[in-house]
C-alpha atoms as a PDB file:
ATOM      1  CA  MET A   1     102.920 102.215 113.339  1.00  0.00           C
ATOM      2  CA  GLY A   2     100.253 100.598 115.607  1.00  0.00           C
ATOM      3  CA  THR A   3     102.829  99.186 118.044  1.00  0.00           C
ATOM      4  CA  PRO A   4     101.652 100.693 121.430  1.00  0.00           C
ATOM      5  CA  ILE A   5     104.651 100.039 123.611  1.00  0.00           C
ATOM      6  CA  SER A   6     104.377 103.524 125.095  1.00  0.00           C
ATOM      7  CA  GLU A   7     100.674 104.069 124.485  1.00  0.00           C
ATOM      8  CA  ILE A   8      99.819 104.019 128.168  1.00  0.00           C
ATOM      9  CA  GLU A   9     102.456 106.591 128.992  1.00  0.00           C
ATOM     10  CA  ALA A  10     101.311 108.709 126.060  1.00  0.00           C
ATOM     11  CA  ALA A  11      97.660 108.512 127.093  1.00  0.00           C
ATOM     12  CA  GLU A  12      98.108 109.088 130.793  1.00  0.00           C
ATOM     13  CA  TYR A  13      99.122 112.641 130.135  1.00  0.00           C
ATOM     14  CA  GLU A  14      99.168 115.202 132.929  1.00  0.00           C
ATOM     15  CA  ASN A  15      97.025 118.184 132.027  1.00  0.00           C
ATOM     16  CA  THR A  16      98.742 121.089 133.662  1.00  0.00           C
ATOM     17  CA  THR A  17      98.683 123.597 130.834  1.00  0.00           C
ATOM     18  CA  GLY A  18      97.380 127.104 130.933  1.00  0.00           C
ATOM     19  CA  ALA A  19      94.221 126.110 129.043  1.00  0.00           C
ATOM     20  CA  VAL A  20      93.162 123.930 131.938  1.00  0.00           C
ATOM     21  CA  ARG A  21      93.690 126.806 134.327  1.00  0.00           C
ATOM     22  CA  GLY A  22      91.594 129.094 132.115  1.00  0.00           C
ATOM     23  CA  GLU A  23      94.640 131.061 130.921  1.00  0.00           C
ATOM     24  CA  PRO A  24      96.143 131.369 127.427  1.00  0.00           C
ATOM     25  CA  MET A  25      98.784 128.720 126.785  1.00  0.00           C
ATOM     26  CA  THR A  26     102.398 129.749 126.554  1.00  0.00           C
ATOM     27  CA  LEU A  27     104.450 128.812 123.487  1.00  0.00           C
ATOM     28  CA  LYS A  28     106.128 126.062 125.484  1.00  0.00           C
ATOM     29  CA  GLU A  29     102.773 124.624 126.534  1.00  0.00           C
ATOM     30  CA  THR A  30     101.447 124.782 122.972  1.00  0.00           C
ATOM     31  CA  ILE A  31     104.481 122.936 121.630  1.00  0.00           C
ATOM     32  CA  ARG A  32     104.061 120.350 124.355  1.00  0.00           C
ATOM     33  CA  GLU A  33     100.455 119.763 123.320  1.00  0.00           C
ATOM     34  CA  TYR A  34     101.385 119.298 119.652  1.00  0.00           C
ATOM     35  CA  ILE A  35     104.133 116.883 120.625  1.00  0.00           C
ATOM     36  CA  GLY A  36     101.542 115.044 122.688  1.00  0.00           C
ATOM     37  CA  VAL A  37      99.295 114.308 119.694  1.00  0.00           C
ATOM     38  CA  THR A  38     102.247 112.906 117.740  1.00  0.00           C
ATOM     39  CA  LYS A  39     102.875 110.340 120.512  1.00  0.00           C
ATOM     40  CA  VAL A  40     106.656 110.349 120.455  1.00  0.00           C
ATOM     41  CA  GLY A  41     106.822 107.224 122.616  1.00  0.00           C
ATOM     42  CA  ILE A  42     104.956 105.166 120.039  1.00  0.00           C
ATOM     43  CA  THR A  43     107.163 106.586 117.280  1.00  0.00           C
ATOM     44  CA  VAL A  44     110.354 105.625 119.124  1.00  0.00           C
ATOM     45  CA  SER A  45     109.114 102.082 119.769  1.00  0.00           C
ATOM     46  CA  ASN A  46     108.350 101.628 116.072  1.00  0.00           C
ATOM     47  CA  LEU A  47     111.824 102.886 115.171  1.00  0.00           C
ATOM     48  CA  MET A  48     113.237  99.959 117.144  1.00  0.00           C
ATOM     49  CA  THR A  49     111.678  97.529 114.686  1.00  0.00           C
ATOM     50  CA  LEU A  50     112.610  99.748 111.724  1.00  0.00           C
ATOM     51  CA  PHE A  51     116.277  99.568 112.715  1.00  0.00           C
ATOM     52  CA  THR A  52     115.962  95.782 113.087  1.00  0.00           C
ATOM     53  CA  GLY A  53     114.904  95.601 109.447  1.00  0.00           C
ATOM     54  CA  LEU A  54     117.712  97.937 108.403  1.00  0.00           C
ATOM     55  CA  TRP A  55     120.239  95.854 110.320  1.00  0.00           C
ATOM     56  CA  LEU A  56     119.096  92.579 108.756  1.00  0.00           C
ATOM     57  CA  ALA A  57     119.262  93.970 105.224  1.00  0.00           C
ATOM     58  CA  ALA A  58     122.594  95.739 105.649  1.00  0.00           C
ATOM     59  CA  ASP A  59     124.542  92.757 106.987  1.00  0.00           C
ATOM     60  CA  GLY A  60     127.198  95.203 108.146  1.00  0.00           C
ATOM     61  CA  PRO A  61     127.532  98.934 108.826  1.00  0.00           C
ATOM     62  CA  LEU A  62     124.344 100.860 108.110  1.00  0.00           C
ATOM     63  CA  PRO A  63     124.516 103.312 105.188  1.00  0.00           C
ATOM     64  CA  LEU A  64     124.207 106.682 106.894  1.00  0.00           C
ATOM     65  CA  SER A  65     122.099 108.630 104.393  1.00  0.00           C
ATOM     66  CA  ILE A  66     119.557 105.832 103.865  1.00  0.00           C
ATOM     67  CA  THR A  67     119.312 105.201 107.605  1.00  0.00           C
ATOM     68  CA  ILE A  68     118.657 108.863 108.405  1.00  0.00           C
ATOM     69  CA  LEU A  69     116.091 109.320 105.630  1.00  0.00           C
ATOM     70  CA  ALA A  70     114.316 106.066 106.473  1.00  0.00           C
ATOM     71  CA  ALA A  71     114.213 106.908 110.183  1.00  0.00           C
ATOM     72  CA  LEU A  72     112.980 110.479 109.692  1.00  0.00           C
ATOM     73  CA  GLY A  73     110.505 109.560 106.956  1.00  0.00           C
ATOM     74  CA  SER A  74     109.064 106.690 108.972  1.00  0.00           C
ATOM     75  CA  SER A  75     108.854 108.850 112.091  1.00  0.00           C
ATOM     76  CA  PHE A  76     106.891 111.522 110.228  1.00  0.00           C
ATOM     77  CA  ILE A  77     104.527 108.903 108.776  1.00  0.00           C
ATOM     78  CA  ILE A  78     103.899 107.452 112.245  1.00  0.00           C
ATOM     79  CA  MET A  79     103.381 110.882 113.804  1.00  0.00           C
ATOM     80  CA  SER A  80     101.043 111.751 110.946  1.00  0.00           C
ATOM     81  CA  GLY A  81      98.970 108.686 111.771  1.00  0.00           C
ATOM     82  CA  THR A  82      98.787 109.391 115.492  1.00  0.00           C
ATOM     83  CA  SER A  83      97.878 113.051 114.891  1.00  0.00           C
ATOM     84  CA  LEU A  84      95.074 112.123 112.502  1.00  0.00           C
ATOM     85  CA  ASN A  85      93.983 109.406 114.922  1.00  0.00           C
ATOM     86  CA  ASN A  86      93.648 112.033 117.665  1.00  0.00           C
ATOM     87  CA  TYR A  87      91.684 114.244 115.280  1.00  0.00           C
ATOM     88  CA  LEU A  88      89.289 111.491 114.171  1.00  0.00           C
ATOM     89  CA  ASP A  89      88.745 109.893 117.592  1.00  0.00           C
ATOM     90  CA  ARG A  90      88.082 113.100 119.507  1.00  0.00           C
ATOM     91  CA  ASP A  91      84.324 112.435 119.651  1.00  0.00           C
ATOM     92  CA  LEU A  92      84.703 109.043 121.342  1.00  0.00           C
ATOM     93  CA  ASP A  93      87.822 109.891 123.352  1.00  0.00           C
ATOM     94  CA  ARG A  94      85.716 112.057 125.654  1.00  0.00           C
ATOM     95  CA  HIS A  95      83.951 108.912 126.922  1.00  0.00           C
ATOM     96  CA  MET A  96      87.117 107.098 128.001  1.00  0.00           C
ATOM     97  CA  GLU A  97      88.861 107.682 131.306  1.00  0.00           C
ATOM     98  CA  ARG A  98      92.227 107.137 129.618  1.00  0.00           C
ATOM     99  CA  THR A  99      91.671 109.707 126.878  1.00  0.00           C
ATOM    100  CA  LYS A 100      89.075 112.192 128.135  1.00  0.00           C
ATOM    101  CA  SER A 101      91.782 114.707 129.032  1.00  0.00           C
ATOM    102  CA  ARG A 102      93.469 114.769 125.634  1.00  0.00           C
ATOM    103  CA  ALA A 103      94.146 118.180 124.124  1.00  0.00           C
ATOM    104  CA  LEU A 104      91.470 117.949 121.434  1.00  0.00           C
ATOM    105  CA  VAL A 105      88.801 116.707 123.834  1.00  0.00           C
ATOM    106  CA  GLU A 106      89.386 119.576 126.261  1.00  0.00           C
ATOM    107  CA  GLY A 107      89.821 122.172 123.520  1.00  0.00           C
ATOM    108  CA  ARG A 108      93.450 123.014 124.141  1.00  0.00           C
ATOM    109  CA  LEU A 109      94.185 122.512 120.438  1.00  0.00           C
ATOM    110  CA  LYS A 110      91.970 123.281 117.446  1.00  0.00           C
ATOM    111  CA  PRO A 111      90.924 120.164 115.482  1.00  0.00           C
ATOM    112  CA  GLN A 112      91.716 121.720 112.110  1.00  0.00           C
ATOM    113  CA  ASN A 113      95.259 122.536 113.238  1.00  0.00           C
ATOM    114  CA  VAL A 114      95.872 118.953 114.357  1.00  0.00           C
ATOM    115  CA  MET A 115      94.466 117.694 111.052  1.00  0.00           C
ATOM    116  CA  ARG A 116      96.810 120.026 109.141  1.00  0.00           C
ATOM    117  CA  LEU A 117      99.744 118.849 111.250  1.00  0.00           C
ATOM    118  CA  GLY A 118      98.920 115.231 110.438  1.00  0.00           C
ATOM    119  CA  LEU A 119      98.646 115.895 106.707  1.00  0.00           C
ATOM    120  CA  ILE A 120     101.883 117.921 106.591  1.00  0.00           C
ATOM    121  CA  LEU A 121     103.793 115.222 108.467  1.00  0.00           C
ATOM    122  CA  GLY A 122     102.393 112.595 106.105  1.00  0.00           C
ATOM    123  CA  VAL A 123     103.540 114.504 103.015  1.00  0.00           C
ATOM    124  CA  LEU A 124     107.007 115.199 104.441  1.00  0.00           C
ATOM    125  CA  GLY A 125     107.435 111.606 105.546  1.00  0.00           C
ATOM    126  CA  SER A 126     106.375 110.265 102.149  1.00  0.00           C
ATOM    127  CA  LEU A 127     108.835 112.540 100.323  1.00  0.00           C
ATOM    128  CA  MET A 128     111.688 111.415 102.584  1.00  0.00           C
ATOM    129  CA  LEU A 129     110.862 107.753 102.031  1.00  0.00           C
ATOM    130  CA  LEU A 130     110.579 108.362  98.295  1.00  0.00           C
ATOM    131  CA  ALA A 131     114.136 109.678  98.423  1.00  0.00           C
ATOM    132  CA  VAL A 132     115.126 106.272  99.825  1.00  0.00           C
ATOM    133  CA  ASN A 133     113.242 104.226  97.202  1.00  0.00           C
ATOM    134  CA  THR A 134     109.756 103.897  95.771  1.00  0.00           C
ATOM    135  CA  LEU A 135     108.925 100.614  97.493  1.00  0.00           C
ATOM    136  CA  CYS A 136     109.742 102.018 100.929  1.00  0.00           C
ATOM    137  CA  ALA A 137     107.518 105.040 100.262  1.00  0.00           C
ATOM    138  CA  VAL A 138     104.636 102.862  99.049  1.00  0.00           C
ATOM    139  CA  LEU A 139     104.840 100.726 102.185  1.00  0.00           C
ATOM    140  CA  GLY A 140     104.753 103.871 104.322  1.00  0.00           C
ATOM    141  CA  LEU A 141     101.636 105.122 102.548  1.00  0.00           C
ATOM    142  CA  VAL A 142      99.957 101.723 102.859  1.00  0.00           C
ATOM    143  CA  ALA A 143     100.677 101.750 106.604  1.00  0.00           C
ATOM    144  CA  LEU A 144      99.271 105.267 106.952  1.00  0.00           C
ATOM    145  CA  PHE A 145      96.142 104.416 104.928  1.00  0.00           C
ATOM    146  CA  PHE A 146      95.397 101.298 106.962  1.00  0.00           C
ATOM    147  CA  TYR A 147      95.932 103.073 110.274  1.00  0.00           C
ATOM    148  CA  VAL A 148      93.955 106.225 109.530  1.00  0.00           C
ATOM    149  CA  VAL A 149      91.240 105.090 107.133  1.00  0.00           C
ATOM    150  CA  VAL A 150      90.702 101.354 107.557  1.00  0.00           C
ATOM    151  CA  TYR A 151      91.479 101.130 111.290  1.00  0.00           C
ATOM    152  CA  THR A 152      90.620 104.489 112.871  1.00  0.00           C
ATOM    153  CA  MET A 153      87.765 105.638 110.648  1.00  0.00           C
ATOM    154  CA  TRP A 154      86.142 102.277 109.970  1.00  0.00           C
ATOM    155  CA  THR A 155      86.899  98.992 111.736  1.00  0.00           C
ATOM    156  CA  LYS A 156      87.734 100.372 115.194  1.00  0.00           C
ATOM    157  CA  ARG A 157      84.114 101.511 115.424  1.00  0.00           C
ATOM    158  CA  THR A 158      82.428  98.614 113.647  1.00  0.00           C
ATOM    159  CA  THR A 159      84.119  95.230 114.184  1.00  0.00           C
ATOM    160  CA  THR A 160      86.401  93.361 116.566  1.00  0.00           C
ATOM    161  CA  LEU A 161      88.525  92.488 113.519  1.00  0.00           C
ATOM    162  CA  ASN A 162      90.035  95.965 113.939  1.00  0.00           C
ATOM    163  CA  THR A 163      92.989  94.371 115.748  1.00  0.00           C
ATOM    164  CA  LEU A 164      93.982  92.494 112.590  1.00  0.00           C
ATOM    165  CA  VAL A 165      93.502  95.584 110.439  1.00  0.00           C
ATOM    166  CA  GLY A 166      95.577  97.776 112.751  1.00  0.00           C
ATOM    167  CA  ALA A 167      98.273  95.113 112.801  1.00  0.00           C
ATOM    168  CA  VAL A 168      98.937  95.703 109.090  1.00  0.00           C
ATOM    169  CA  SER A 169     100.188  99.199 109.900  1.00  0.00           C
ATOM    170  CA  GLY A 170     102.234  98.097 112.873  1.00  0.00           C
ATOM    171  CA  ALA A 171     103.892  95.363 110.823  1.00  0.00           C
ATOM    172  CA  MET A 172     105.280  97.806 108.266  1.00  0.00           C
ATOM    173  CA  PRO A 173     108.210  99.532 110.075  1.00  0.00           C
ATOM    174  CA  PRO A 174     110.632  96.550 110.037  1.00  0.00           C
ATOM    175  CA  VAL A 175     109.692  95.812 106.429  1.00  0.00           C
ATOM    176  CA  MET A 176     110.233  99.465 105.503  1.00  0.00           C
ATOM    177  CA  GLY A 177     113.649  99.318 107.157  1.00  0.00           C
ATOM    178  CA  TYR A 178     114.528  96.125 105.314  1.00  0.00           C
ATOM    179  CA  THR A 179     113.348  97.371 101.911  1.00  0.00           C
ATOM    180  CA  ALA A 180     115.089 100.722 102.419  1.00  0.00           C
ATOM    181  CA  ILE A 181     118.345  98.858 101.839  1.00  0.00           C
ATOM    182  CA  SER A 182     117.326  95.695  99.960  1.00  0.00           C
ATOM    183  CA  GLY A 183     114.792  97.377  97.672  1.00  0.00           C
ATOM    184  CA  THR A 184     112.806  94.145  97.465  1.00  0.00           C
ATOM    185  CA  LEU A 185     110.085  92.174  99.262  1.00  0.00           C
ATOM    186  CA  ASP A 186     111.901  88.859  99.557  1.00  0.00           C
ATOM    187  CA  LEU A 187     111.184  85.999 101.962  1.00  0.00           C
ATOM    188  CA  THR A 188     112.984  87.692 104.865  1.00  0.00           C
ATOM    189  CA  ALA A 189     110.849  90.797 104.438  1.00  0.00           C
ATOM    190  CA  TRP A 190     107.680  88.717 104.578  1.00  0.00           C
ATOM    191  CA  ILE A 191     108.882  86.885 107.697  1.00  0.00           C
ATOM    192  CA  LEU A 192     109.432  90.256 109.387  1.00  0.00           C
ATOM    193  CA  PHE A 193     105.964  91.360 108.297  1.00  0.00           C
ATOM    194  CA  PHE A 194     104.146  88.275 109.547  1.00  0.00           C
ATOM    195  CA  PHE A 195     106.105  88.204 112.800  1.00  0.00           C
ATOM    196  CA  MET A 196     105.105  91.792 113.603  1.00  0.00           C
ATOM    197  CA  PHE A 197     101.574  91.265 112.259  1.00  0.00           C
ATOM    198  CA  ILE A 198     100.909  88.282 114.529  1.00  0.00           C
ATOM    199  CA  TRP A 199     102.833  89.728 117.511  1.00  0.00           C
ATOM    200  CA  GLN A 200     100.532  92.714 117.692  1.00  0.00           C
ATOM    201  CA  CYS A 201      97.397  90.604 118.118  1.00  0.00           C
ATOM    202  CA  PRO A 202      98.112  89.113 121.570  1.00  0.00           C
ATOM    203  CA  HIS A 203      99.834  92.369 122.524  1.00  0.00           C
ATOM    204  CA  PHE A 204      96.825  94.541 121.634  1.00  0.00           C
ATOM    205  CA  LEU A 205      94.297  92.097 123.069  1.00  0.00           C
ATOM    206  CA  ALA A 206      96.130  91.973 126.398  1.00  0.00           C
ATOM    207  CA  LEU A 207      96.121  95.768 126.485  1.00  0.00           C
ATOM    208  CA  ALA A 208      92.430  95.818 125.551  1.00  0.00           C
ATOM    209  CA  MET A 209      91.641  93.510 128.478  1.00  0.00           C
ATOM    210  CA  ARG A 210      93.024  96.121 130.837  1.00  0.00           C
ATOM    211  CA  ARG A 211      90.983  98.850 129.157  1.00  0.00           C
ATOM    212  CA  ALA A 212      87.799  96.872 128.418  1.00  0.00           C
ATOM    213  CA  ASN A 213      85.488  99.142 130.423  1.00  0.00           C
ATOM    214  CA  ASP A 214      86.902 102.239 128.745  1.00  0.00           C
ATOM    215  CA  TYR A 215      86.416 100.784 125.264  1.00  0.00           C
ATOM    216  CA  ARG A 216      82.900  99.637 126.136  1.00  0.00           C
ATOM    217  CA  SER A 217      81.988 103.114 127.360  1.00  0.00           C
ATOM    218  CA  ALA A 218      83.301 104.759 124.205  1.00  0.00           C
ATOM    219  CA  GLY A 219      81.767 102.256 121.809  1.00  0.00           C
ATOM    220  CA  PHE A 220      85.033 100.975 120.318  1.00  0.00           C
ATOM    221  CA  GLN A 221      84.569  97.394 119.103  1.00  0.00           C
ATOM    222  CA  MET A 222      87.437  95.791 120.993  1.00  0.00           C
ATOM    223  CA  MET A 223      87.161  92.043 121.583  1.00  0.00           C
ATOM    224  CA  PRO A 224      87.234  92.061 125.419  1.00  0.00           C
ATOM    225  CA  ALA A 225      84.539  94.741 125.493  1.00  0.00           C
ATOM    226  CA  VAL A 226      82.293  92.866 123.040  1.00  0.00           C
ATOM    227  CA  TYR A 227      82.893  89.153 123.668  1.00  0.00           C
ATOM    228  CA  GLY A 228      84.447  89.089 127.123  1.00  0.00           C
ATOM    229  CA  PHE A 229      87.696  87.817 128.596  1.00  0.00           C
ATOM    230  CA  ARG A 230      87.295  84.068 127.939  1.00  0.00           C
ATOM    231  CA  VAL A 231      87.077  84.502 124.165  1.00  0.00           C
ATOM    232  CA  THR A 232      89.885  87.072 124.246  1.00  0.00           C
ATOM    233  CA  LYS A 233      92.219  84.771 126.166  1.00  0.00           C
ATOM    234  CA  ASN A 234      91.592  81.953 123.679  1.00  0.00           C
ATOM    235  CA  HIS A 235      92.549  84.287 120.850  1.00  0.00           C
ATOM    236  CA  ILE A 236      95.660  85.477 122.694  1.00  0.00           C
ATOM    237  CA  LEU A 237      96.845  81.883 123.064  1.00  0.00           C
ATOM    238  CA  SER A 238      96.029  81.024 119.429  1.00  0.00           C
ATOM    239  CA  TYR A 239      98.022  83.971 118.123  1.00  0.00           C
ATOM    240  CA  THR A 240     100.948  83.087 120.378  1.00  0.00           C
ATOM    241  CA  ILE A 241     100.968  79.520 119.054  1.00  0.00           C
ATOM    242  CA  ALA A 242     101.279  80.942 115.546  1.00  0.00           C
ATOM    243  CA  LEU A 243     103.865  83.557 116.536  1.00  0.00           C
ATOM    244  CA  VAL A 244     106.575  81.317 118.001  1.00  0.00           C
ATOM    245  CA  PRO A 245     107.322  79.230 114.865  1.00  0.00           C
ATOM    246  CA  ILE A 246     107.255  82.367 112.698  1.00  0.00           C
ATOM    247  CA  SER A 247     109.937  83.901 114.940  1.00  0.00           C
ATOM    248  CA  LEU A 248     112.163  80.887 114.283  1.00  0.00           C
ATOM    249  CA  MET A 249     111.852  81.106 110.504  1.00  0.00           C
ATOM    250  CA  LEU A 250     114.631  83.687 110.373  1.00  0.00           C
ATOM    251  CA  TYR A 251     116.967  80.883 111.459  1.00  0.00           C
ATOM    252  CA  ALA A 252     115.469  78.489 108.911  1.00  0.00           C
ATOM    253  CA  VAL A 253     116.280  80.871 106.042  1.00  0.00           C
ATOM    254  CA  GLY A 254     119.802  81.490 107.346  1.00  0.00           C
ATOM    255  CA  GLU A 255     119.404  85.111 108.435  1.00  0.00           C
ATOM    256  CA  VAL A 256     120.392  84.442 112.063  1.00  0.00           C
ATOM    257  CA  GLY A 257     122.390  81.873 114.005  1.00  0.00           C
ATOM    258  CA  LYS A 258     122.050  79.560 116.958  1.00  0.00           C
ATOM    259  CA  VAL A 259     122.216  82.276 119.620  1.00  0.00           C
ATOM    260  CA  TYR A 260     119.041  83.755 118.222  1.00  0.00           C
ATOM    261  CA  LEU A 261     117.455  80.311 117.794  1.00  0.00           C
ATOM    262  CA  VAL A 262     118.035  79.264 121.396  1.00  0.00           C
ATOM    263  CA  ALA A 263     117.067  82.615 122.899  1.00  0.00           C
ATOM    264  CA  MET A 264     113.834  82.993 120.937  1.00  0.00           C
ATOM    265  CA  SER A 265     112.894  79.363 121.514  1.00  0.00           C
ATOM    266  CA  VAL A 266     113.165  79.830 125.272  1.00  0.00           C
ATOM    267  CA  LEU A 267     111.347  83.155 125.196  1.00  0.00           C
ATOM    268  CA  GLY A 268     108.675  81.686 122.939  1.00  0.00           C
ATOM    269  CA  LEU A 269     108.051  78.761 125.256  1.00  0.00           C
ATOM    270  CA  GLY A 270     107.763  81.204 128.149  1.00  0.00           C
ATOM    271  CA  TYR A 271     105.235  83.289 126.196  1.00  0.00           C
ATOM    272  CA  LEU A 272     103.216  80.177 125.373  1.00  0.00           C
ATOM    273  CA  ALA A 273     103.244  79.012 128.997  1.00  0.00           C
ATOM    274  CA  LEU A 274     102.143  82.418 130.260  1.00  0.00           C
ATOM    275  CA  ASN A 275      99.253  82.758 127.826  1.00  0.00           C
ATOM    276  CA  PHE A 276      98.179  79.149 128.377  1.00  0.00           C
ATOM    277  CA  SER A 277      98.043  79.813 132.112  1.00  0.00           C
ATOM    278  CA  GLY A 278      95.803  82.758 131.351  1.00  0.00           C
ATOM    279  CA  LEU A 279      93.002  80.336 130.462  1.00  0.00           C
ATOM    280  CA  PHE A 280      92.845  79.404 134.151  1.00  0.00           C
ATOM    281  CA  ALA A 281      93.617  82.819 135.630  1.00  0.00           C
ATOM    282  CA  LYS A 282      91.219  84.030 138.309  1.00  0.00           C
ATOM    283  CA  ASP A 283      92.311  87.651 137.952  1.00  0.00           C
ATOM    284  CA  ASP A 284      91.912  88.457 134.250  1.00  0.00           C
ATOM    285  CA  ILE A 285      93.141  92.029 134.563  1.00  0.00           C
ATOM    286  CA  LYS A 286      96.327  90.861 136.258  1.00  0.00           C
ATOM    287  CA  PHE A 287      96.830  88.291 133.513  1.00  0.00           C
ATOM    288  CA  GLY A 288      96.289  90.979 130.866  1.00  0.00           C
ATOM    289  CA  ARG A 289      98.934  93.140 132.516  1.00  0.00           C
ATOM    290  CA  ARG A 290     101.446  90.276 132.686  1.00  0.00           C
ATOM    291  CA  SER A 291     100.826  89.188 129.090  1.00  0.00           C
ATOM    292  CA  PHE A 292     101.114  92.762 127.831  1.00  0.00           C
ATOM    293  CA  THR A 293     104.410  93.274 129.680  1.00  0.00           C
ATOM    294  CA  TYR A 294     105.836  89.971 128.450  1.00  0.00           C
ATOM    295  CA  SER A 295     104.885  90.825 124.859  1.00  0.00           C
ATOM    296  CA  ILE A 296     107.006  93.976 125.079  1.00  0.00           C
ATOM    297  CA  ILE A 297     109.952  92.051 126.513  1.00  0.00           C
ATOM    298  CA  TYR A 298     109.539  89.405 123.801  1.00  0.00           C
ATOM    299  CA  LEU A 299     109.656  92.001 121.021  1.00  0.00           C
ATOM    300  CA  MET A 300     112.628  93.808 122.525  1.00  0.00           C
ATOM    301  CA  MET A 301     114.547  90.524 122.818  1.00  0.00           C
ATOM    302  CA  PHE A 302     113.612  89.647 119.225  1.00  0.00           C
ATOM    303  CA  CYS A 303     115.245  92.868 118.054  1.00  0.00           C
ATOM    304  CA  LEU A 304     118.197  92.571 120.435  1.00  0.00           C
ATOM    305  CA  PHE A 305     119.135  89.001 119.488  1.00  0.00           C
ATOM    306  CA  ILE A 306     118.920  89.804 115.780  1.00  0.00           C
ATOM    307  CA  PHE A 307     121.384  92.614 116.436  1.00  0.00           C
ATOM    308  CA  ILE A 308     123.674  90.426 118.554  1.00  0.00           C
ATOM    309  CA  ASP A 309     123.573  87.529 116.125  1.00  0.00           C
ATOM    310  CA  ARG A 310     124.474  89.727 113.155  1.00  0.00           C
ATOM    311  CA  LEU A 311     127.412  91.531 114.804  1.00  0.00           C
END
């Protein structure tokens, strides 16, 4: 849920609606604003990891009904979280350059309507996942609770450990996909969880480096804004060191073959080299941008080579 592959695109939203011009919004503009708070880009990126979990568990053609229900239910849960996040963060969003033009900040949408949208999506998503199996639904609710309550309402405003808390939510989609078919939290499911959990930490921290001034202005307790770039870069490297061997554990338990092993080993070494070089980077913002971009490529290749190796 917390994977922000398209967060920048979602946040850098062009405000050209009628409300900005002082005119009533058209139906099309209103729909566009509601779609904006659900952050479709983030939802789509999380579905990529959901399908990776489905693919691993299926070990063959995906069962159509389970796949559709799991995809729709997970999408609604994610969109519920992003809608409620927009609702809860509207007070601090006005202080950030990246978010000060969001619909709730500028009054183009009513807060109570966005809250209702988030709650409705959460209920619908939970019911769809429950139709898949109970475990999948429970994981979806845990992800939603961590993202909305523990991350957005609490730790994002109080501690730099919010990255770890938010990572719990973002680690759930592949596990939800896997359990949708397997119905169990076996070793493979836990490997998927810990891979996504650890991956998000250097990914988020690299993004936070680029937005450190924004977070500092708003009062969000992001590591670069509180402790600076040197500490953040050390953490990015530490998480990457932990991430690479976890990525290779899928081979160790026999879920993937040598194509995956070789590809992820090479990509992992490249990720390690890049984040190690960051310790000596003179331009920290440029390093943050490069590390963030590589993290996206790394995740996409992780999903792609699982798919290729299991064909």
